[in-house]
Amino acid sequence: MATTTTTTTRSRRAQSEAKSAPLKLAEAPQYPDIQSIRDAIPAHCFVPSTWRSLGYVIRDVAMATALGWAALIYIPQIDDNSAWLRTVAWIVYGYVQGLVCTGIWILAHEAGHGAFSVHQRLNDVVGWALHSALLVPYFSWKFSHHRHHRFTGNMEKDMAFVPHTKADREKKRLVDLYFDRELFEDVPIVQLVKLLAHQLAGWQMYLLFNVSSGCDSQQRKDVGWWRVSHFEPTSAVFRSSEAIYIAISDLGLAIGGALLYLASTVVGWKMVFLLYGVPYFWVHHWLVAITYLHHTHPDVHHFDADSWTFVKGALATVDRDFGFVGRHLFHGIIDTHVVHHLFPRIPFYKAEEATEAIKPLLGDLYHREERSFIGQLWSTFTQCKYVEADPAVPGALKWAEKK
């Protein structure tokens, strides 16, 4: 079996040099079946520890509470003559609190997958409470996210991330003022504005309009095409039987909103925005970046519906490295995403061991990017615009090379 694939600058240069050679139709990669992959992982990796998971919740909530309390008490005491210092303090607080709250978001994500504990009711109670505190509709996200995992890489049914095709790019859109997007998209300021919009509003656009989902991902055909919100119990995104859970998600949001309102009557809306609003946007910046970079890489395929399989889709993801933050605050979601897509019930604190166990079996089918996580956000966003058929792999689509 080939050794594990690690994307490096050297390998990228070699690929570039190979472009001049005549293209040969490669033999299709041989994917192992899911049971063979599962058998390579130690059995204990599939068993979560309820107390260990709860320990991480207590740790992260305690950190968020301490940060919020310290900011509320001490930052306003900074002398009025040092307004710049107070501004810097709030910026640092917002960033750090955003990191901690992203970790809390990810713990709720664990609960949604059933990787938090063996008790499903406890999973849902913890996940609903944590996500509601972050103004996330827990069950709504849980259902659509499960379908994303079920159909990852499927160009029609993926519930979260289906890239544009060349045909999509030829359609004129309001966001481009109905101009040919190729006229301006390579202008740095245009790329920057689009990236900022992608990071700041991508999550909200997904919840409201189901953007970036596949054309065949909706669960109901008996409602209007515009009814695709994650907040509507009768939305086309969900089955009729799921409506009550969407309503429970909305109840959680209402409780979270009411608590924020009550807080504003005590400390004012400005303070609420600084304490909660700024970290909120940081959290969803990180979530959009993580999702986007896991599924966008020149080495990773997407698949036509007829060629797609679960294993192909699950392996169409990339592990990346975000150092201390990724391992200790983001609970390894960046570092071990491939095995998470294969087996989402593996708890995050056992995912690294599981990843090492499957590498020899997967060989070149396993992808890991060693370059800077944040640095790759800009380069990936500006280079990977759309996918096109890969002539070397029937049924697969690759990211088009920028001309």
Protein backbone atom coordinates (compact mmCIF):
# COMPACT_ATOMS: atom_id res chain seq x y z
CA MET A 1 0.00 0.00 0.00
CA ALA A 2 1.28 3.48 -0.88
CA THR A 3 2.41 5.78 1.83
CA THR A 4 0.22 8.53 3.24
CA THR A 5 -0.29 11.53 0.99
CA THR A 6 0.94 14.80 2.44
CA THR A 7 0.45 17.85 0.25
CA THR A 8 3.60 19.95 0.12
CA THR A 9 5.03 22.72 -2.00
CA ARG A 10 7.41 20.22 -3.58
CA SER A 11 4.60 17.87 -4.61
CA ARG A 12 2.63 20.79 -6.02
CA ARG A 13 5.64 21.77 -8.16
CA ALA A 14 5.94 18.21 -9.41
CA GLN A 15 2.28 18.19 -10.37
CA SER A 16 2.72 21.44 -12.24
CA GLU A 17 5.68 20.06 -14.20
CA ALA A 18 3.66 16.98 -15.09
CA LYS A 19 1.02 19.06 -16.87
CA SER A 20 3.12 19.24 -20.00
CA ALA A 21 3.06 15.46 -20.38
CA PRO A 22 0.24 13.89 -22.40
CA LEU A 23 -2.71 13.03 -20.21
CA LYS A 24 -3.22 9.33 -19.70
CA LEU A 25 -6.45 7.92 -18.44
CA ALA A 26 -5.52 6.71 -14.98
CA GLU A 27 -6.80 3.51 -13.50
CA ALA A 28 -9.60 4.38 -11.09
CA PRO A 29 -8.48 4.45 -7.44
CA GLN A 30 -9.42 1.35 -5.50
CA TYR A 31 -11.44 2.34 -2.46
CA PRO A 32 -11.67 -0.04 0.50
CA ASP A 33 -15.13 -0.86 1.82
CA ILE A 34 -16.30 0.86 4.98
CA GLN A 35 -16.16 -2.32 7.08
CA SER A 36 -12.50 -2.87 6.21
CA ILE A 37 -11.73 0.67 7.32
CA ARG A 38 -13.70 0.18 10.52
CA ASP A 39 -11.89 -3.07 11.29
CA ALA A 40 -8.54 -1.22 11.15
CA ILE A 41 -9.57 1.01 14.07
CA PRO A 42 -9.30 -0.23 17.68
CA ALA A 43 -12.77 -0.97 19.05
CA HIS A 44 -12.35 1.33 22.06
CA CYS A 45 -12.11 4.36 19.74
CA PHE A 46 -15.84 4.06 19.08
CA VAL A 47 -16.83 4.28 22.76
CA PRO A 48 -17.26 7.81 24.18
CA SER A 49 -16.75 8.61 27.86
CA THR A 50 -19.69 10.59 29.22
CA TRP A 51 -17.68 12.02 32.10
CA ARG A 52 -14.75 12.98 29.93
CA SER A 53 -17.06 14.73 27.48
CA LEU A 54 -18.85 16.55 30.29
CA GLY A 55 -15.45 17.55 31.64
CA TYR A 56 -14.67 19.34 28.39
CA VAL A 57 -18.03 21.13 28.57
CA ILE A 58 -17.33 22.30 32.12
CA ARG A 59 -13.83 23.42 31.13
CA ASP A 60 -14.94 25.39 28.07
CA VAL A 61 -17.99 26.98 29.72
CA ALA A 62 -15.82 27.96 32.69
CA MET A 63 -13.27 29.60 30.37
CA ALA A 64 -16.00 31.50 28.48
CA THR A 65 -17.61 32.64 31.75
CA ALA A 66 -14.30 33.78 33.23
CA LEU A 67 -13.39 35.69 30.07
CA GLY A 68 -16.78 37.40 29.96
CA TRP A 69 -16.67 38.31 33.64
CA ALA A 70 -13.12 39.69 33.38
CA ALA A 71 -14.01 41.76 30.31
CA LEU A 72 -17.16 43.14 31.94
CA ILE A 73 -15.38 44.10 35.15
CA TYR A 74 -11.93 45.23 34.06
CA ILE A 75 -12.02 46.58 30.50
CA PRO A 76 -14.45 49.45 31.33
CA GLN A 77 -12.07 50.48 34.13
CA ILE A 78 -9.32 51.32 31.68
CA ASP A 79 -8.67 55.07 31.92
CA ASP A 80 -10.59 57.28 29.48
CA ASN A 81 -7.29 58.79 28.40
CA SER A 82 -6.28 55.36 27.11
CA ALA A 83 -9.24 54.75 24.81
CA TRP A 84 -6.94 53.01 22.33
CA LEU A 85 -5.92 50.53 25.01
CA ARG A 86 -9.56 49.82 25.83
CA THR A 87 -10.24 49.24 22.13
CA VAL A 88 -7.34 46.81 21.87
CA ALA A 89 -8.56 45.02 24.99
CA TRP A 90 -12.02 44.53 23.50
CA ILE A 91 -10.52 43.29 20.22
CA VAL A 92 -8.36 40.76 22.03
CA TYR A 93 -11.29 39.67 24.19
CA GLY A 94 -13.57 39.19 21.17
CA TYR A 95 -10.97 37.10 19.37
CA VAL A 96 -10.10 34.86 22.34
CA GLN A 97 -13.72 34.44 23.40
CA GLY A 98 -14.54 33.52 19.81
CA LEU A 99 -11.96 30.72 19.96
CA VAL A 100 -13.35 29.38 23.23
CA CYS A 101 -16.97 29.57 22.05
CA THR A 102 -16.03 27.80 18.82
CA GLY A 103 -14.86 24.96 21.04
CA ILE A 104 -18.25 24.98 22.78
CA TRP A 105 -19.94 24.90 19.36
CA ILE A 106 -17.85 21.87 18.43
CA LEU A 107 -18.80 20.05 21.65
CA ALA A 108 -22.46 20.50 20.71
CA HIS A 109 -21.51 19.20 17.26
CA GLU A 110 -20.13 16.08 18.99
CA ALA A 111 -23.43 15.68 20.81
CA GLY A 112 -25.36 16.00 17.56
CA HIS A 113 -23.38 13.11 16.09
CA GLY A 114 -23.86 10.92 19.15
CA ALA A 115 -20.13 11.05 19.90
CA PHE A 116 -20.59 12.88 23.20
CA SER A 117 -21.95 9.92 25.15
CA VAL A 118 -23.76 6.61 24.68
CA HIS A 119 -26.95 8.24 26.02
CA GLN A 120 -28.83 9.85 23.14
CA ARG A 121 -31.13 11.92 25.36
CA LEU A 122 -28.14 13.39 27.19
CA ASN A 123 -26.51 14.14 23.82
CA ASP A 124 -29.54 16.09 22.68
CA VAL A 125 -30.01 17.96 25.97
CA VAL A 126 -26.36 19.04 26.05
CA GLY A 127 -26.27 19.84 22.33
CA TRP A 128 -29.53 21.81 22.45
CA ALA A 129 -28.41 23.82 25.50
CA LEU A 130 -24.96 24.66 24.13
CA HIS A 131 -26.10 25.47 20.62
CA SER A 132 -29.07 27.53 21.83
CA ALA A 133 -26.69 29.58 23.97
CA LEU A 134 -24.79 30.34 20.74
CA LEU A 135 -28.03 31.07 18.83
CA VAL A 136 -27.69 27.91 16.73
CA PRO A 137 -30.85 25.88 15.93
CA TYR A 138 -29.61 22.55 17.28
CA PHE A 139 -31.98 19.98 15.79
CA SER A 140 -32.28 21.89 12.51
CA TRP A 141 -28.51 21.83 12.12
CA LYS A 142 -28.31 18.22 13.37
CA PHE A 143 -30.66 16.90 10.69
CA SER A 144 -29.13 18.79 7.77
CA HIS A 145 -25.59 18.11 8.98
CA HIS A 146 -26.24 14.39 9.19
CA ARG A 147 -27.33 14.47 5.54
CA HIS A 148 -24.19 16.37 4.66
CA HIS A 149 -22.21 13.49 6.17
CA ARG A 150 -24.41 10.93 4.47
CA PHE A 151 -23.81 12.47 1.02
CA THR A 152 -20.48 14.29 1.31
CA GLY A 153 -18.97 14.94 -2.12
CA ASN A 154 -22.21 14.12 -3.96
CA MET A 155 -22.81 16.91 -6.50
CA GLU A 156 -26.58 16.57 -6.15
CA LYS A 157 -27.37 15.48 -2.60
CA ASP A 158 -24.71 16.99 -0.34
CA MET A 159 -26.63 19.07 2.20
CA ALA A 160 -23.88 21.56 3.02
CA PHE A 161 -21.26 22.06 0.34
CA VAL A 162 -21.67 21.63 -3.41
CA PRO A 163 -19.16 23.71 -5.41
CA HIS A 164 -19.97 25.67 -8.55
CA THR A 165 -19.52 24.05 -11.93
CA LYS A 166 -18.43 25.80 -15.10
CA ALA A 167 -22.08 25.99 -16.19
CA ASP A 168 -22.97 27.67 -12.89
CA ARG A 169 -20.34 30.32 -13.50
CA GLU A 170 -21.88 31.26 -16.83
CA LYS A 171 -25.11 32.29 -15.10
CA LYS A 172 -25.29 36.00 -14.30
CA ARG A 173 -26.24 36.72 -10.69
CA LEU A 174 -27.37 39.71 -8.66
CA VAL A 175 -24.35 39.35 -6.35
CA ASP A 176 -22.16 40.12 -9.41
CA LEU A 177 -24.52 42.91 -10.54
CA TYR A 178 -25.29 40.65 -13.53
CA PHE A 179 -21.80 41.19 -14.97
CA ASP A 180 -19.68 38.34 -16.23
CA ARG A 181 -17.95 37.39 -13.00
CA GLU A 182 -14.66 36.66 -14.75
CA LEU A 183 -14.32 40.35 -15.55
CA PHE A 184 -13.73 41.34 -11.92
CA GLU A 185 -13.25 38.27 -9.76
CA ASP A 186 -9.45 38.34 -9.95
CA VAL A 187 -9.26 41.96 -8.76
CA PRO A 188 -7.77 41.71 -5.25
CA ILE A 189 -10.23 44.13 -3.64
CA VAL A 190 -13.17 42.23 -5.15
CA GLN A 191 -11.75 38.95 -3.89
CA LEU A 192 -11.24 40.44 -0.42
CA VAL A 193 -14.80 41.79 -0.22
CA LYS A 194 -16.21 38.43 -1.35
CA LEU A 195 -14.07 36.54 1.15
CA LEU A 196 -15.18 38.81 3.99
CA ALA A 197 -18.82 38.32 3.00
CA HIS A 198 -18.23 34.57 2.77
CA GLN A 199 -16.76 34.48 6.28
CA LEU A 200 -19.12 36.90 8.02
CA ALA A 201 -22.43 35.91 6.44
CA GLY A 202 -21.90 32.39 5.07
CA TRP A 203 -23.38 30.63 8.11
CA GLN A 204 -26.44 32.87 8.27
CA MET A 205 -27.06 32.50 4.52
CA TYR A 206 -26.92 28.74 4.90
CA LEU A 207 -29.45 28.74 7.74
CA LEU A 208 -31.82 31.15 5.99
CA PHE A 209 -31.57 30.10 2.35
CA ASN A 210 -29.83 26.70 2.35
CA VAL A 211 -27.12 28.10 0.08
CA SER A 212 -24.37 25.78 -1.18
CA SER A 213 -26.61 22.70 -0.88
CA GLY A 214 -27.19 20.23 -3.72
CA CYS A 215 -30.12 20.49 -6.11
CA ASP A 216 -31.52 17.15 -4.88
CA SER A 217 -30.84 17.65 -1.18
CA GLN A 218 -34.27 18.83 -0.08
CA GLN A 219 -36.47 16.40 1.84
CA ARG A 220 -39.87 17.69 0.74
CA LYS A 221 -41.23 18.53 -2.69
CA ASP A 222 -44.69 19.69 -1.57
CA VAL A 223 -43.63 23.20 -0.45
CA GLY A 224 -42.47 26.29 -2.30
CA TRP A 225 -38.90 26.51 -3.52
CA TRP A 226 -38.31 29.57 -1.35
CA ARG A 227 -39.18 27.77 1.88
CA VAL A 228 -35.74 26.40 2.66
CA SER A 229 -35.00 28.03 6.01
CA HIS A 230 -33.55 26.06 8.91
CA PHE A 231 -35.97 27.92 11.20
CA GLU A 232 -39.28 26.89 9.61
CA PRO A 233 -40.71 23.58 10.88
CA THR A 234 -42.38 22.91 7.51
CA SER A 235 -39.31 23.85 5.47
CA ALA A 236 -38.36 21.79 2.42
CA VAL A 237 -35.06 21.09 4.16
CA PHE A 238 -36.77 18.74 6.63
CA ARG A 239 -39.13 15.80 6.67
CA SER A 240 -42.65 16.28 8.08
CA SER A 241 -41.77 14.06 11.05
CA GLU A 242 -38.95 16.46 12.01
CA ALA A 243 -41.15 19.54 12.37
CA ILE A 244 -41.55 19.26 16.15
CA TYR A 245 -37.78 19.20 16.61
CA ILE A 246 -37.35 22.30 14.45
CA ALA A 247 -39.88 24.03 16.70
CA ILE A 248 -37.86 22.95 19.78
CA SER A 249 -34.76 24.43 18.11
CA ASP A 250 -36.64 27.69 17.61
CA LEU A 251 -37.67 27.63 21.26
CA GLY A 252 -34.01 27.43 22.22
CA LEU A 253 -33.26 30.46 20.05
CA ALA A 254 -36.16 32.37 21.64
CA ILE A 255 -34.82 31.62 25.12
CA GLY A 256 -31.32 32.70 24.06
CA GLY A 257 -32.67 35.91 22.55
CA ALA A 258 -34.73 36.67 25.67
CA LEU A 259 -31.67 36.24 27.90
CA LEU A 260 -29.69 38.63 25.70
CA TYR A 261 -32.52 41.16 25.93
CA LEU A 262 -32.57 40.87 29.71
CA ALA A 263 -28.80 41.33 29.78
CA SER A 264 -29.16 44.47 27.69
CA THR A 265 -31.54 45.98 30.26
CA VAL A 266 -28.81 45.53 32.87
CA VAL A 267 -25.58 46.43 31.06
CA GLY A 268 -26.84 48.00 27.80
CA TRP A 269 -26.86 46.80 24.19
CA LYS A 270 -23.38 48.13 23.50
CA MET A 271 -21.92 45.98 26.25
CA VAL A 272 -23.94 42.95 25.10
CA PHE A 273 -22.61 43.42 21.59
CA LEU A 274 -19.01 43.62 22.82
CA LEU A 275 -19.38 40.68 25.18
CA TYR A 276 -21.50 38.43 22.95
CA GLY A 277 -21.94 39.87 19.44
CA VAL A 278 -18.28 40.17 18.47
CA PRO A 279 -17.40 36.62 19.61
CA TYR A 280 -20.54 35.40 17.79
CA PHE A 281 -19.16 36.59 14.46
CA TRP A 282 -15.74 35.14 15.24
CA VAL A 283 -17.32 31.76 16.00
CA HIS A 284 -19.10 31.61 12.68
CA HIS A 285 -16.06 32.88 10.81
CA TRP A 286 -14.17 29.87 12.15
CA LEU A 287 -16.98 27.43 11.37
CA VAL A 288 -17.27 28.62 7.77
CA ALA A 289 -13.49 28.52 7.33
CA ILE A 290 -13.23 25.02 8.78
CA THR A 291 -16.04 23.61 6.63
CA TYR A 292 -14.81 25.34 3.49
CA LEU A 293 -11.18 24.24 3.84
CA HIS A 294 -12.11 20.66 4.69
CA HIS A 295 -13.89 20.26 1.36
CA THR A 296 -11.90 22.56 -0.91
CA HIS A 297 -8.46 21.50 -2.05
CA PRO A 298 -6.91 20.92 -5.50
CA ASP A 299 -6.21 17.27 -4.63
CA VAL A 300 -9.76 16.42 -3.57
CA HIS A 301 -12.53 15.30 -5.91
CA HIS A 302 -16.28 15.70 -5.93
CA PHE A 303 -18.43 13.11 -7.67
CA ASP A 304 -21.36 12.78 -10.04
CA ALA A 305 -24.34 11.20 -8.33
CA ASP A 306 -23.98 8.01 -10.36
CA SER A 307 -20.29 7.58 -9.46
CA TRP A 308 -20.50 8.64 -5.84
CA THR A 309 -20.22 6.25 -2.91
CA PHE A 310 -20.16 6.95 0.81
CA VAL A 311 -16.48 6.04 1.14
CA LYS A 312 -15.51 8.20 -1.85
CA GLY A 313 -17.33 11.16 -0.35
CA ALA A 314 -15.98 10.68 3.15
CA LEU A 315 -12.43 10.54 1.79
CA ALA A 316 -13.02 13.68 -0.30
CA THR A 317 -11.96 15.74 2.73
CA VAL A 318 -8.65 17.13 3.96
CA ASP A 319 -7.04 17.07 7.38
CA ARG A 320 -5.23 20.29 8.22
CA ASP A 321 -3.21 21.63 11.12
CA PHE A 322 -4.05 24.61 13.33
CA GLY A 323 -1.52 24.01 16.07
CA PHE A 324 -2.45 24.55 19.71
CA VAL A 325 -5.79 26.16 18.90
CA GLY A 326 -6.85 23.30 16.66
CA ARG A 327 -5.91 20.58 19.12
CA HIS A 328 -6.87 22.10 22.46
CA LEU A 329 -9.60 24.67 21.78
CA PHE A 330 -11.17 23.34 18.57
CA HIS A 331 -11.05 19.75 19.84
CA GLY A 332 -9.18 18.37 16.84
CA ILE A 333 -11.96 19.06 14.33
CA ILE A 334 -9.44 20.51 11.88
CA ASP A 335 -6.74 17.87 12.38
CA THR A 336 -8.86 14.70 12.18
CA HIS A 337 -11.75 15.50 9.86
CA VAL A 338 -11.24 12.59 7.46
CA VAL A 339 -11.89 9.92 10.09
CA HIS A 340 -14.74 12.06 11.43
CA HIS A 341 -16.45 11.85 8.06
CA LEU A 342 -15.96 8.11 7.93
CA PHE A 343 -17.16 7.50 11.48
CA PRO A 344 -18.77 10.61 13.04
CA ARG A 345 -19.57 8.73 16.25
CA ILE A 346 -15.87 8.48 17.18
CA PRO A 347 -15.31 11.04 19.99
CA PHE A 348 -12.82 13.75 19.13
CA TYR A 349 -10.36 12.68 21.85
CA LYS A 350 -9.97 9.29 20.14
CA ALA A 351 -9.95 10.56 16.56
CA GLU A 352 -6.18 10.99 16.34
CA GLU A 353 -5.57 7.36 17.27
CA ALA A 354 -8.23 6.28 14.78
CA THR A 355 -6.64 8.41 12.06
CA GLU A 356 -3.24 6.83 12.57
CA ALA A 357 -4.85 3.39 12.42
CA ILE A 358 -6.44 3.92 8.99
CA LYS A 359 -3.55 5.69 7.26
CA PRO A 360 -1.75 2.50 6.17
CA LEU A 361 -4.96 1.11 4.69
CA LEU A 362 -5.93 4.31 2.86
CA GLY A 363 -2.50 5.22 1.50
CA ASP A 364 -2.82 7.90 -1.20
CA LEU A 365 -6.56 8.15 -0.58
CA TYR A 366 -5.83 9.98 2.67
CA HIS A 367 -5.14 13.71 2.29
CA ARG A 368 -3.45 16.05 4.72
CA GLU A 369 -2.38 19.65 4.12
CA GLU A 370 0.58 20.77 6.22
CA ARG A 371 0.67 24.40 5.16
CA SER A 372 -0.81 27.25 7.20
CA PHE A 373 -4.53 26.80 7.87
CA ILE A 374 -5.30 30.53 7.77
CA GLY A 375 -2.85 31.19 4.95
CA GLN A 376 -4.59 28.59 2.83
CA LEU A 377 -7.96 30.32 3.27
CA TRP A 378 -6.95 33.18 0.98
CA SER A 379 -5.12 31.10 -1.60
CA THR A 380 -7.85 28.47 -1.75
CA PHE A 381 -10.62 31.05 -2.04
CA THR A 382 -8.88 32.85 -4.88
CA GLN A 383 -7.74 29.73 -6.75
CA CYS A 384 -10.54 27.15 -6.38
CA LYS A 385 -13.43 28.76 -8.22
CA TYR A 386 -15.33 25.84 -9.75
CA VAL A 387 -15.09 22.14 -10.52
CA GLU A 388 -14.99 20.41 -13.88
CA ALA A 389 -14.87 16.80 -15.07
CA ASP A 390 -11.55 15.11 -14.40
CA PRO A 391 -10.66 13.35 -17.67
CA ALA A 392 -8.34 10.99 -15.77
CA VAL A 393 -11.03 9.74 -13.34
CA PRO A 394 -14.47 9.02 -14.85
CA GLY A 395 -17.34 10.32 -12.74
CA ALA A 396 -15.10 12.60 -10.68
CA LEU A 397 -14.85 16.37 -10.76
CA LYS A 398 -11.70 18.28 -9.89
CA TRP A 399 -11.06 21.90 -9.06
CA ALA A 400 -10.29 23.76 -12.27
CA GLU A 401 -6.80 25.16 -12.61
CA LYS A 402 -6.77 28.94 -12.60
CA LYS A 403 -5.91 30.17 -16.07
